[in-house]
Amino acid sequence: MTRFPRRSVRFLYETTLFIVVSVLDILMTHRLIRTGRFHESNPVAKFFYDHWDMDGMVYFKMTMVAVVVVLTQLIARRRPQRAHMVLRLAICVVSVVVIYSLLLLLRSRGLL
């Protein structure tokens, strides 16, 4: 039986954290849109939301997550430090979006 070489996922912790904050972004977006006071500000994500509702937005956002994860794994083969930096930057950017969304939600409920 021929076996394929097994490659481990580089930067597993960071990759997992990126996926988790991306899922939080989706949940916060859903919650904000559900209030009726907010809409998606990303025009590409809005296109998917307008045409396929929340399912379309989830597919779009998770596709973007998959693209980032695959690209960082490919980059890591030759330039691991650069891939690590890209993942950390992605985590920071999405985390800021999640925090901002949380602040908007709290403010809309009069809690801030």
PDB file of N, CA and C in Angstrom:
ATOM      1  N   MET A   1       0.848  -1.165   0.000  1.00  0.00           N
ATOM      2  CA  MET A   1       0.000   0.000   0.000  1.00  0.00           C
ATOM      3  C   MET A   1       0.900   1.236   0.000  1.00  0.00           C
ATOM      4  N   THR A   2       0.622   2.176  -0.891  1.00  0.00           N
ATOM      5  CA  THR A   2       1.393   3.404  -0.967  1.00  0.00           C
ATOM      6  C   THR A   2       0.860   4.396   0.057  1.00  0.00           C
ATOM      7  N   ARG A   3       1.786   4.976   0.798  1.00  0.00           N
ATOM      8  CA  ARG A   3       1.379   5.965   1.796  1.00  0.00           C
ATOM      9  C   ARG A   3       1.828   7.339   1.345  1.00  0.00           C
ATOM     10  N   PHE A   4       0.961   8.297   1.566  1.00  0.00           N
ATOM     11  CA  PHE A   4       1.310   9.675   1.268  1.00  0.00           C
ATOM     12  C   PHE A   4       2.093  10.231   2.440  1.00  0.00           C
ATOM     13  N   PRO A   5       3.051  11.096   2.178  1.00  0.00           N
ATOM     14  CA  PRO A   5       3.785  11.687   3.299  1.00  0.00           C
ATOM     15  C   PRO A   5       2.844  12.532   4.148  1.00  0.00           C
ATOM     16  N   ARG A   6       2.952  12.356   5.412  1.00  0.00           N
ATOM     17  CA  ARG A   6       2.088  13.090   6.337  1.00  0.00           C
ATOM     18  C   ARG A   6       2.759  14.402   6.702  1.00  0.00           C
ATOM     19  N   ARG A   7       2.050  15.470   6.488  1.00  0.00           N
ATOM     20  CA  ARG A   7       2.553  16.794   6.850  1.00  0.00           C
ATOM     21  C   ARG A   7       1.692  17.327   7.977  1.00  0.00           C
ATOM     22  N   SER A   8       2.334  17.859   8.959  1.00  0.00           N
ATOM     23  CA  SER A   8       1.561  18.412  10.065  1.00  0.00           C
ATOM     24  C   SER A   8       1.194  19.862   9.757  1.00  0.00           C
ATOM     25  N   VAL A   9       0.154  20.321  10.397  1.00  0.00           N
ATOM     26  CA  VAL A   9      -0.273  21.709  10.241  1.00  0.00           C
ATOM     27  C   VAL A   9       0.701  22.584  11.007  1.00  0.00           C
ATOM     28  N   ARG A  10       1.261  23.552  10.318  1.00  0.00           N
ATOM     29  CA  ARG A  10       2.159  24.492  10.983  1.00  0.00           C
ATOM     30  C   ARG A  10       1.329  25.537  11.710  1.00  0.00           C
ATOM     31  N   PHE A  11       1.824  25.971  12.825  1.00  0.00           N
ATOM     32  CA  PHE A  11       1.181  27.018  13.615  1.00  0.00           C
ATOM     33  C   PHE A  11      -0.262  26.635  13.958  1.00  0.00           C
ATOM     34  N   LEU A  12      -0.422  25.453  14.493  1.00  0.00           N
ATOM     35  CA  LEU A  12      -1.753  24.928  14.798  1.00  0.00           C
ATOM     36  C   LEU A  12      -2.516  25.836  15.763  1.00  0.00           C
ATOM     37  N   TYR A  13      -1.826  26.318  16.805  1.00  0.00           N
ATOM     38  CA  TYR A  13      -2.482  27.191  17.785  1.00  0.00           C
ATOM     39  C   TYR A  13      -3.027  28.449  17.105  1.00  0.00           C
ATOM     40  N   GLU A  14      -2.191  29.111  16.308  1.00  0.00           N
ATOM     41  CA  GLU A  14      -2.604  30.340  15.640  1.00  0.00           C
ATOM     42  C   GLU A  14      -3.694  30.076  14.608  1.00  0.00           C
ATOM     43  N   THR A  15      -3.577  28.985  13.901  1.00  0.00           N
ATOM     44  CA  THR A  15      -4.597  28.636  12.910  1.00  0.00           C
ATOM     45  C   THR A  15      -5.940  28.404  13.600  1.00  0.00           C
ATOM     46  N   THR A  16      -5.913  27.679  14.698  1.00  0.00           N
ATOM     47  CA  THR A  16      -7.138  27.422  15.454  1.00  0.00           C
ATOM     48  C   THR A  16      -7.726  28.718  15.996  1.00  0.00           C
ATOM     49  N   LEU A  17      -6.867  29.574  16.536  1.00  0.00           N
ATOM     50  CA  LEU A  17      -7.334  30.853  17.066  1.00  0.00           C
ATOM     51  C   LEU A  17      -7.943  31.712  15.964  1.00  0.00           C
ATOM     52  N   PHE A  18      -7.336  31.718  14.798  1.00  0.00           N
ATOM     53  CA  PHE A  18      -7.892  32.467  13.666  1.00  0.00           C
ATOM     54  C   PHE A  18      -9.285  31.941  13.302  1.00  0.00           C
ATOM     55  N   ILE A  19      -9.448  30.642  13.271  1.00  0.00           N
ATOM     56  CA  ILE A  19     -10.755  30.055  12.954  1.00  0.00           C
ATOM     57  C   ILE A  19     -11.783  30.426  14.019  1.00  0.00           C
ATOM     58  N   VAL A  20     -11.377  30.380  15.284  1.00  0.00           N
ATOM     59  CA  VAL A  20     -12.300  30.709  16.382  1.00  0.00           C
ATOM     60  C   VAL A  20     -12.749  32.167  16.298  1.00  0.00           C
ATOM     61  N   VAL A  21     -11.813  33.109  16.123  1.00  0.00           N
ATOM     62  CA  VAL A  21     -12.229  34.511  16.051  1.00  0.00           C
ATOM     63  C   VAL A  21     -13.051  34.773  14.792  1.00  0.00           C
ATOM     64  N   SER A  22     -12.805  34.027  13.731  1.00  0.00           N
ATOM     65  CA  SER A  22     -13.602  34.178  12.514  1.00  0.00           C
ATOM     66  C   SER A  22     -15.029  33.696  12.733  1.00  0.00           C
ATOM     67  N   VAL A  23     -15.192  32.621  13.463  1.00  0.00           N
ATOM     68  CA  VAL A  23     -16.541  32.144  13.802  1.00  0.00           C
ATOM     69  C   VAL A  23     -17.237  33.165  14.705  1.00  0.00           C
ATOM     70  N   LEU A  24     -16.505  33.750  15.644  1.00  0.00           N
ATOM     71  CA  LEU A  24     -17.078  34.808  16.491  1.00  0.00           C
ATOM     72  C   LEU A  24     -17.513  36.001  15.642  1.00  0.00           C
ATOM     73  N   ASP A  25     -16.739  36.321  14.617  1.00  0.00           N
ATOM     74  CA  ASP A  25     -17.109  37.404  13.704  1.00  0.00           C
ATOM     75  C   ASP A  25     -18.438  37.095  13.021  1.00  0.00           C
ATOM     76  N   ILE A  26     -18.607  35.878  12.573  1.00  0.00           N
ATOM     77  CA  ILE A  26     -19.857  35.475  11.933  1.00  0.00           C
ATOM     78  C   ILE A  26     -21.022  35.579  12.921  1.00  0.00           C
ATOM     79  N   LEU A  27     -20.815  35.104  14.131  1.00  0.00           N
ATOM     80  CA  LEU A  27     -21.873  35.158  15.146  1.00  0.00           C
ATOM     81  C   LEU A  27     -22.242  36.603  15.492  1.00  0.00           C
ATOM     82  N   MET A  28     -21.232  37.465  15.620  1.00  0.00           N
ATOM     83  CA  MET A  28     -21.507  38.861  15.939  1.00  0.00           C
ATOM     84  C   MET A  28     -22.215  39.551  14.781  1.00  0.00           C
ATOM     85  N   THR A  29     -21.805  39.260  13.563  1.00  0.00           N
ATOM     86  CA  THR A  29     -22.462  39.838  12.386  1.00  0.00           C
ATOM     87  C   THR A  29     -23.927  39.425  12.349  1.00  0.00           C
ATOM     88  N   HIS A  30     -24.178  38.157  12.581  1.00  0.00           N
ATOM     89  CA  HIS A  30     -25.552  37.653  12.596  1.00  0.00           C
ATOM     90  C   HIS A  30     -26.375  38.360  13.664  1.00  0.00           C
ATOM     91  N   ARG A  31     -25.803  38.478  14.848  1.00  0.00           N
ATOM     92  CA  ARG A  31     -26.518  39.108  15.958  1.00  0.00           C
ATOM     93  C   ARG A  31     -26.826  40.582  15.653  1.00  0.00           C
ATOM     94  N   LEU A  32     -25.850  41.288  15.090  1.00  0.00           N
ATOM     95  CA  LEU A  32     -26.057  42.703  14.769  1.00  0.00           C
ATOM     96  C   LEU A  32     -27.114  42.876  13.685  1.00  0.00           C
ATOM     97  N   ILE A  33     -27.048  42.064  12.634  1.00  0.00           N
ATOM     98  CA  ILE A  33     -28.029  42.177  11.551  1.00  0.00           C
ATOM     99  C   ILE A  33     -29.423  41.853  12.066  1.00  0.00           C
ATOM    100  N   ARG A  34     -29.497  40.890  12.975  1.00  0.00           N
ATOM    101  CA  ARG A  34     -30.797  40.482  13.517  1.00  0.00           C
ATOM    102  C   ARG A  34     -31.483  41.589  14.306  1.00  0.00           C
ATOM    103  N   THR A  35     -30.703  42.534  14.850  1.00  0.00           N
ATOM    104  CA  THR A  35     -31.328  43.633  15.603  1.00  0.00           C
ATOM    105  C   THR A  35     -32.147  44.529  14.693  1.00  0.00           C
ATOM    106  N   GLY A  36     -31.835  44.515  13.384  1.00  0.00           N
ATOM    107  CA  GLY A  36     -32.530  45.383  12.445  1.00  0.00           C
ATOM    108  C   GLY A  36     -31.939  46.772  12.353  1.00  0.00           C
ATOM    109  N   ARG A  37     -30.976  47.087  13.180  1.00  0.00           N
ATOM    110  CA  ARG A  37     -30.356  48.416  13.185  1.00  0.00           C
ATOM    111  C   ARG A  37     -29.045  48.465  12.403  1.00  0.00           C
ATOM    112  N   PHE A  38     -28.537  47.319  12.043  1.00  0.00           N
ATOM    113  CA  PHE A  38     -27.220  47.258  11.400  1.00  0.00           C
ATOM    114  C   PHE A  38     -27.325  46.463  10.109  1.00  0.00           C
ATOM    115  N   HIS A  39     -26.359  46.710   9.227  1.00  0.00           N
ATOM    116  CA  HIS A  39     -26.262  45.943   7.990  1.00  0.00           C
ATOM    117  C   HIS A  39     -24.790  45.624   7.755  1.00  0.00           C
ATOM    118  N   GLU A  40     -24.550  44.703   6.865  1.00  0.00           N
ATOM    119  CA  GLU A  40     -23.172  44.320   6.532  1.00  0.00           C
ATOM    120  C   GLU A  40     -22.520  45.461   5.770  1.00  0.00           C
ATOM    121  N   SER A  41     -21.347  45.907   6.222  1.00  0.00           N
ATOM    122  CA  SER A  41     -20.681  47.035   5.564  1.00  0.00           C
ATOM    123  C   SER A  41     -19.687  46.592   4.492  1.00  0.00           C
ATOM    124  N   ASN A  42     -19.263  45.329   4.516  1.00  0.00           N
ATOM    125  CA  ASN A  42     -18.371  44.814   3.484  1.00  0.00           C
ATOM    126  C   ASN A  42     -19.222  44.547   2.241  1.00  0.00           C
ATOM    127  N   PRO A  43     -18.946  45.252   1.119  1.00  0.00           N
ATOM    128  CA  PRO A  43     -19.813  45.092  -0.048  1.00  0.00           C
ATOM    129  C   PRO A  43     -19.840  43.678  -0.626  1.00  0.00           C
ATOM    130  N   VAL A  44     -18.738  42.958  -0.533  1.00  0.00           N
ATOM    131  CA  VAL A  44     -18.722  41.590  -1.060  1.00  0.00           C
ATOM    132  C   VAL A  44     -19.575  40.680  -0.167  1.00  0.00           C
ATOM    133  N   ALA A  45     -19.375  40.773   1.139  1.00  0.00           N
ATOM    134  CA  ALA A  45     -20.188  39.979   2.066  1.00  0.00           C
ATOM    135  C   ALA A  45     -21.660  40.372   1.960  1.00  0.00           C
ATOM    136  N   LYS A  46     -21.920  41.669   1.774  1.00  0.00           N
ATOM    137  CA  LYS A  46     -23.307  42.133   1.617  1.00  0.00           C
ATOM    138  C   LYS A  46     -23.950  41.519   0.376  1.00  0.00           C
ATOM    139  N   PHE A  47     -23.189  41.397  -0.716  1.00  0.00           N
ATOM    140  CA  PHE A  47     -23.710  40.753  -1.921  1.00  0.00           C
ATOM    141  C   PHE A  47     -24.186  39.336  -1.601  1.00  0.00           C
ATOM    142  N   PHE A  48     -23.353  38.579  -0.895  1.00  0.00           N
ATOM    143  CA  PHE A  48     -23.723  37.207  -0.544  1.00  0.00           C
ATOM    144  C   PHE A  48     -24.922  37.186   0.403  1.00  0.00           C
ATOM    145  N   TYR A  49     -24.946  38.127   1.354  1.00  0.00           N
ATOM    146  CA  TYR A  49     -26.078  38.199   2.283  1.00  0.00           C
ATOM    147  C   TYR A  49     -27.360  38.562   1.537  1.00  0.00           C
ATOM    148  N   ASP A  50     -27.273  39.549   0.652  1.00  0.00           N
ATOM    149  CA  ASP A  50     -28.471  39.984  -0.086  1.00  0.00           C
ATOM    150  C   ASP A  50     -29.030  38.887  -0.986  1.00  0.00           C
ATOM    151  N   HIS A  51     -28.160  38.042  -1.520  1.00  0.00           N
ATOM    152  CA  HIS A  51     -28.624  37.009  -2.449  1.00  0.00           C
ATOM    153  C   HIS A  51     -28.956  35.667  -1.783  1.00  0.00           C
ATOM    154  N   TRP A  52     -28.255  35.348  -0.694  1.00  0.00           N
ATOM    155  CA  TRP A  52     -28.451  34.032  -0.073  1.00  0.00           C
ATOM    156  C   TRP A  52     -28.634  34.111   1.435  1.00  0.00           C
ATOM    157  N   ASP A  53     -28.973  35.281   1.941  1.00  0.00           N
ATOM    158  CA  ASP A  53     -29.227  35.492   3.366  1.00  0.00           C
ATOM    159  C   ASP A  53     -27.997  35.085   4.195  1.00  0.00           C
ATOM    160  N   MET A  54     -28.215  34.678   5.404  1.00  0.00           N
ATOM    161  CA  MET A  54     -27.099  34.379   6.311  1.00  0.00           C
ATOM    162  C   MET A  54     -26.279  33.191   5.829  1.00  0.00           C
ATOM    163  N   ASP A  55     -26.905  32.230   5.166  1.00  0.00           N
ATOM    164  CA  ASP A  55     -26.152  31.086   4.629  1.00  0.00           C
ATOM    165  C   ASP A  55     -25.071  31.561   3.665  1.00  0.00           C
ATOM    166  N   GLY A  56     -25.427  32.478   2.783  1.00  0.00           N
ATOM    167  CA  GLY A  56     -24.465  33.003   1.828  1.00  0.00           C
ATOM    168  C   GLY A  56     -23.314  33.715   2.506  1.00  0.00           C
ATOM    169  N   MET A  57     -23.629  34.482   3.537  1.00  0.00           N
ATOM    170  CA  MET A  57     -22.572  35.190   4.254  1.00  0.00           C
ATOM    171  C   MET A  57     -21.648  34.206   4.968  1.00  0.00           C
ATOM    172  N   VAL A  58     -22.214  33.186   5.572  1.00  0.00           N
ATOM    173  CA  VAL A  58     -21.394  32.180   6.255  1.00  0.00           C
ATOM    174  C   VAL A  58     -20.489  31.472   5.255  1.00  0.00           C
ATOM    175  N   TYR A  59     -21.038  31.079   4.125  1.00  0.00           N
ATOM    176  CA  TYR A  59     -20.215  30.422   3.094  1.00  0.00           C
ATOM    177  C   TYR A  59     -19.084  31.333   2.632  1.00  0.00           C
ATOM    178  N   PHE A  60     -19.422  32.599   2.385  1.00  0.00           N
ATOM    179  CA  PHE A  60     -18.405  33.553   1.946  1.00  0.00           C
ATOM    180  C   PHE A  60     -17.309  33.717   2.993  1.00  0.00           C
ATOM    181  N   LYS A  61     -17.707  33.974   4.237  1.00  0.00           N
ATOM    182  CA  LYS A  61     -16.711  34.223   5.282  1.00  0.00           C
ATOM    183  C   LYS A  61     -15.861  32.986   5.571  1.00  0.00           C
ATOM    184  N   MET A  62     -16.477  31.827   5.582  1.00  0.00           N
ATOM    185  CA  MET A  62     -15.698  30.613   5.847  1.00  0.00           C
ATOM    186  C   MET A  62     -14.800  30.263   4.663  1.00  0.00           C
ATOM    187  N   THR A  63     -15.219  30.626   3.454  1.00  0.00           N
ATOM    188  CA  THR A  63     -14.337  30.445   2.295  1.00  0.00           C
ATOM    189  C   THR A  63     -13.103  31.328   2.445  1.00  0.00           C
ATOM    190  N   MET A  64     -13.292  32.554   2.904  1.00  0.00           N
ATOM    191  CA  MET A  64     -12.158  33.460   3.129  1.00  0.00           C
ATOM    192  C   MET A  64     -11.232  32.917   4.220  1.00  0.00           C
ATOM    193  N   VAL A  65     -11.812  32.330   5.248  1.00  0.00           N
ATOM    194  CA  VAL A  65     -11.006  31.713   6.309  1.00  0.00           C
ATOM    195  C   VAL A  65     -10.182  30.571   5.725  1.00  0.00           C
ATOM    196  N   ALA A  66     -10.825  29.732   4.920  1.00  0.00           N
ATOM    197  CA  ALA A  66     -10.117  28.604   4.306  1.00  0.00           C
ATOM    198  C   ALA A  66      -8.986  29.089   3.408  1.00  0.00           C
ATOM    199  N   VAL A  67      -9.221  30.162   2.656  1.00  0.00           N
ATOM    200  CA  VAL A  67      -8.184  30.708   1.782  1.00  0.00           C
ATOM    201  C   VAL A  67      -6.982  31.169   2.602  1.00  0.00           C
ATOM    202  N   VAL A  68      -7.235  31.892   3.689  1.00  0.00           N
ATOM    203  CA  VAL A  68      -6.136  32.367   4.540  1.00  0.00           C
ATOM    204  C   VAL A  68      -5.372  31.188   5.135  1.00  0.00           C
ATOM    205  N   VAL A  69      -6.091  30.196   5.618  1.00  0.00           N
ATOM    206  CA  VAL A  69      -5.434  29.035   6.240  1.00  0.00           C
ATOM    207  C   VAL A  69      -4.588  28.285   5.213  1.00  0.00           C
ATOM    208  N   VAL A  70      -5.144  28.029   4.045  1.00  0.00           N
ATOM    209  CA  VAL A  70      -4.391  27.300   3.012  1.00  0.00           C
ATOM    210  C   VAL A  70      -3.174  28.114   2.562  1.00  0.00           C
ATOM    211  N   LEU A  71      -3.367  29.394   2.330  1.00  0.00           N
ATOM    212  CA  LEU A  71      -2.242  30.219   1.895  1.00  0.00           C
ATOM    213  C   LEU A  71      -1.127  30.279   2.936  1.00  0.00           C
ATOM    214  N   THR A  72      -1.491  30.415   4.199  1.00  0.00           N
ATOM    215  CA  THR A  72      -0.445  30.460   5.229  1.00  0.00           C
ATOM    216  C   THR A  72       0.281  29.126   5.343  1.00  0.00           C
ATOM    217  N   GLN A  73      -0.417  28.037   5.125  1.00  0.00           N
ATOM    218  CA  GLN A  73       0.248  26.738   5.158  1.00  0.00           C
ATOM    219  C   GLN A  73       1.201  26.586   3.974  1.00  0.00           C
ATOM    220  N   LEU A  74       0.798  27.103   2.817  1.00  0.00           N
ATOM    221  CA  LEU A  74       1.675  27.052   1.651  1.00  0.00           C
ATOM    222  C   LEU A  74       2.889  27.964   1.837  1.00  0.00           C
ATOM    223  N   ILE A  75       2.655  29.154   2.353  1.00  0.00           N
ATOM    224  CA  ILE A  75       3.761  30.086   2.610  1.00  0.00           C
ATOM    225  C   ILE A  75       4.722  29.498   3.632  1.00  0.00           C
ATOM    226  N   ALA A  76       4.190  28.804   4.624  1.00  0.00           N
ATOM    227  CA  ALA A  76       5.009  28.258   5.716  1.00  0.00           C
ATOM    228  C   ALA A  76       6.025  27.229   5.232  1.00  0.00           C
ATOM    229  N   ARG A  77       5.785  26.631   4.092  1.00  0.00           N
ATOM    230  CA  ARG A  77       6.744  25.648   3.568  1.00  0.00           C
ATOM    231  C   ARG A  77       8.089  26.279   3.256  1.00  0.00           C
ATOM    232  N   ARG A  78       8.069  27.521   2.775  1.00  0.00           N
ATOM    233  CA  ARG A  78       9.323  28.186   2.391  1.00  0.00           C
ATOM    234  C   ARG A  78       9.701  29.339   3.304  1.00  0.00           C
ATOM    235  N   ARG A  79       8.698  29.992   3.856  1.00  0.00           N
ATOM    236  CA  ARG A  79       8.953  31.163   4.700  1.00  0.00           C
ATOM    237  C   ARG A  79       8.079  31.086   5.959  1.00  0.00           C
ATOM    238  N   PRO A  80       8.461  30.250   6.898  1.00  0.00           N
ATOM    239  CA  PRO A  80       7.615  30.064   8.080  1.00  0.00           C
ATOM    240  C   PRO A  80       7.404  31.338   8.911  1.00  0.00           C
ATOM    241  N   GLN A  81       8.418  32.178   8.997  1.00  0.00           N
ATOM    242  CA  GLN A  81       8.244  33.411   9.779  1.00  0.00           C
ATOM    243  C   GLN A  81       7.203  34.324   9.145  1.00  0.00           C
ATOM    244  N   ARG A  82       7.228  34.402   7.826  1.00  0.00           N
ATOM    245  CA  ARG A  82       6.247  35.240   7.133  1.00  0.00           C
ATOM    246  C   ARG A  82       4.834  34.678   7.323  1.00  0.00           C
ATOM    247  N   ALA A  83       4.686  33.381   7.213  1.00  0.00           N
ATOM    248  CA  ALA A  83       3.374  32.761   7.406  1.00  0.00           C
ATOM    249  C   ALA A  83       2.865  33.008   8.825  1.00  0.00           C
ATOM    250  N   HIS A  84       3.760  32.908   9.782  1.00  0.00           N
ATOM    251  CA  HIS A  84       3.398  33.155  11.181  1.00  0.00           C
ATOM    252  C   HIS A  84       2.926  34.599  11.348  1.00  0.00           C
ATOM    253  N   MET A  85       3.624  35.532  10.702  1.00  0.00           N
ATOM    254  CA  MET A  85       3.256  36.938  10.777  1.00  0.00           C
ATOM    255  C   MET A  85       1.885  37.179  10.132  1.00  0.00           C
ATOM    256  N   VAL A  86       1.642  36.552   8.991  1.00  0.00           N
ATOM    257  CA  VAL A  86       0.353  36.708   8.312  1.00  0.00           C
ATOM    258  C   VAL A  86      -0.783  36.197   9.201  1.00  0.00           C
ATOM    259  N   LEU A  87      -0.584  35.048   9.818  1.00  0.00           N
ATOM    260  CA  LEU A  87      -1.612  34.498  10.713  1.00  0.00           C
ATOM    261  C   LEU A  87      -1.859  35.409  11.905  1.00  0.00           C
ATOM    262  N   ARG A  88      -0.798  35.907  12.509  1.00  0.00           N
ATOM    263  CA  ARG A  88      -0.970  36.805  13.657  1.00  0.00           C
ATOM    264  C   ARG A  88      -1.689  38.084  13.251  1.00  0.00           C
ATOM    265  N   LEU A  89      -1.350  38.619  12.081  1.00  0.00           N
ATOM    266  CA  LEU A  89      -2.028  39.813  11.591  1.00  0.00           C
ATOM    267  C   LEU A  89      -3.512  39.522  11.351  1.00  0.00           C
ATOM    268  N   ALA A  90      -3.814  38.393  10.745  1.00  0.00           N
ATOM    269  CA  ALA A  90      -5.207  38.017  10.491  1.00  0.00           C
ATOM    270  C   ALA A  90      -5.985  37.882  11.800  1.00  0.00           C
ATOM    271  N   ILE A  91      -5.371  37.291  12.801  1.00  0.00           N
ATOM    272  CA  ILE A  91      -6.016  37.160  14.115  1.00  0.00           C
ATOM    273  C   ILE A  91      -6.310  38.537  14.685  1.00  0.00           C
ATOM    274  N   CYS A  92      -5.345  39.437  14.606  1.00  0.00           N
ATOM    275  CA  CYS A  92      -5.528  40.789  15.148  1.00  0.00           C
ATOM    276  C   CYS A  92      -6.645  41.528  14.427  1.00  0.00           C
ATOM    277  N   VAL A  93      -6.645  41.470  13.105  1.00  0.00           N
ATOM    278  CA  VAL A  93      -7.658  42.194  12.327  1.00  0.00           C
ATOM    279  C   VAL A  93      -9.058  41.676  12.650  1.00  0.00           C
ATOM    280  N   VAL A  94      -9.231  40.379  12.632  1.00  0.00           N
ATOM    281  CA  VAL A  94     -10.563  39.819  12.892  1.00  0.00           C
ATOM    282  C   VAL A  94     -10.962  40.054  14.346  1.00  0.00           C
ATOM    283  N   SER A  95     -10.017  40.005  15.264  1.00  0.00           N
ATOM    284  CA  SER A  95     -10.322  40.278  16.684  1.00  0.00           C
ATOM    285  C   SER A  95     -10.809  41.702  16.875  1.00  0.00           C
ATOM    286  N   VAL A  96     -10.182  42.654  16.193  1.00  0.00           N
ATOM    287  CA  VAL A  96     -10.627  44.051  16.277  1.00  0.00           C
ATOM    288  C   VAL A  96     -12.060  44.175  15.755  1.00  0.00           C
ATOM    289  N   VAL A  97     -12.365  43.492  14.675  1.00  0.00           N
ATOM    290  CA  VAL A  97     -13.724  43.520  14.117  1.00  0.00           C
ATOM    291  C   VAL A  97     -14.720  42.936  15.124  1.00  0.00           C
ATOM    292  N   VAL A  98     -14.357  41.843  15.772  1.00  0.00           N
ATOM    293  CA  VAL A  98     -15.245  41.218  16.759  1.00  0.00           C
ATOM    294  C   VAL A  98     -15.465  42.157  17.949  1.00  0.00           C
ATOM    295  N   ILE A  99     -14.397  42.771  18.437  1.00  0.00           N
ATOM    296  CA  ILE A  99     -14.517  43.689  19.571  1.00  0.00           C
ATOM    297  C   ILE A  99     -15.384  44.892  19.198  1.00  0.00           C
ATOM    298  N   TYR A 100     -15.147  45.441  18.002  1.00  0.00           N
ATOM    299  CA  TYR A 100     -15.959  46.566  17.534  1.00  0.00           C
ATOM    300  C   TYR A 100     -17.432  46.159  17.424  1.00  0.00           C
ATOM    301  N   SER A 101     -17.695  44.987  16.896  1.00  0.00           N
ATOM    302  CA  SER A 101     -19.068  44.489  16.780  1.00  0.00           C
ATOM    303  C   SER A 101     -19.715  44.337  18.149  1.00  0.00           C
ATOM    304  N   LEU A 102     -18.950  43.819  19.094  1.00  0.00           N
ATOM    305  CA  LEU A 102     -19.474  43.674  20.463  1.00  0.00           C
ATOM    306  C   LEU A 102     -19.811  45.031  21.059  1.00  0.00           C
ATOM    307  N   LEU A 103     -18.944  46.020  20.854  1.00  0.00           N
ATOM    308  CA  LEU A 103     -19.217  47.368  21.357  1.00  0.00           C
ATOM    309  C   LEU A 103     -20.471  47.954  20.708  1.00  0.00           C
ATOM    310  N   LEU A 104     -20.639  47.752  19.404  1.00  0.00           N
ATOM    311  CA  LEU A 104     -21.852  48.217  18.723  1.00  0.00           C
ATOM    312  C   LEU A 104     -23.103  47.563  19.306  1.00  0.00           C
ATOM    313  N   LEU A 105     -23.021  46.270  19.534  1.00  0.00           N
ATOM    314  CA  LEU A 105     -24.160  45.545  20.083  1.00  0.00           C
ATOM    315  C   LEU A 105     -24.500  46.037  21.494  1.00  0.00           C
ATOM    316  N   LEU A 106     -23.496  46.194  22.330  1.00  0.00           N
ATOM    317  CA  LEU A 106     -23.725  46.672  23.694  1.00  0.00           C
ATOM    318  C   LEU A 106     -24.294  48.099  23.695  1.00  0.00           C
ATOM    319  N   ARG A 107     -23.763  48.941  22.823  1.00  0.00           N
ATOM    320  CA  ARG A 107     -24.248  50.308  22.718  1.00  0.00           C
ATOM    321  C   ARG A 107     -25.694  50.329  22.240  1.00  0.00           C
ATOM    322  N   SER A 108     -26.049  49.460  21.302  1.00  0.00           N
ATOM    323  CA  SER A 108     -27.410  49.437  20.776  1.00  0.00           C
ATOM    324  C   SER A 108     -28.418  48.984  21.834  1.00  0.00           C
ATOM    325  N   ARG A 109     -27.937  48.253  22.812  1.00  0.00           N
ATOM    326  CA  ARG A 109     -28.807  47.791  23.896  1.00  0.00           C
ATOM    327  C   ARG A 109     -28.780  48.703  25.113  1.00  0.00           C
ATOM    328  N   GLY A 110     -28.056  49.819  24.986  1.00  0.00           N
ATOM    329  CA  GLY A 110     -27.981  50.781  26.077  1.00  0.00           C
ATOM    330  C   GLY A 110     -27.098  50.337  27.222  1.00  0.00           C
ATOM    331  N   LEU A 111     -26.225  49.405  26.982  1.00  0.00           N
ATOM    332  CA  LEU A 111     -25.361  48.907  28.040  1.00  0.00           C
ATOM    333  C   LEU A 111     -24.019  49.637  28.096  1.00  0.00           C
ATOM    334  N   LEU A 112     -23.791  50.538  27.166  1.00  0.00           N
ATOM    335  CA  LEU A 112     -22.575  51.372  27.169  1.00  0.00           C
ATOM    336  C   LEU A 112     -22.943  52.820  27.040  1.00  0.00           C
TER     337      LEU A 112
END
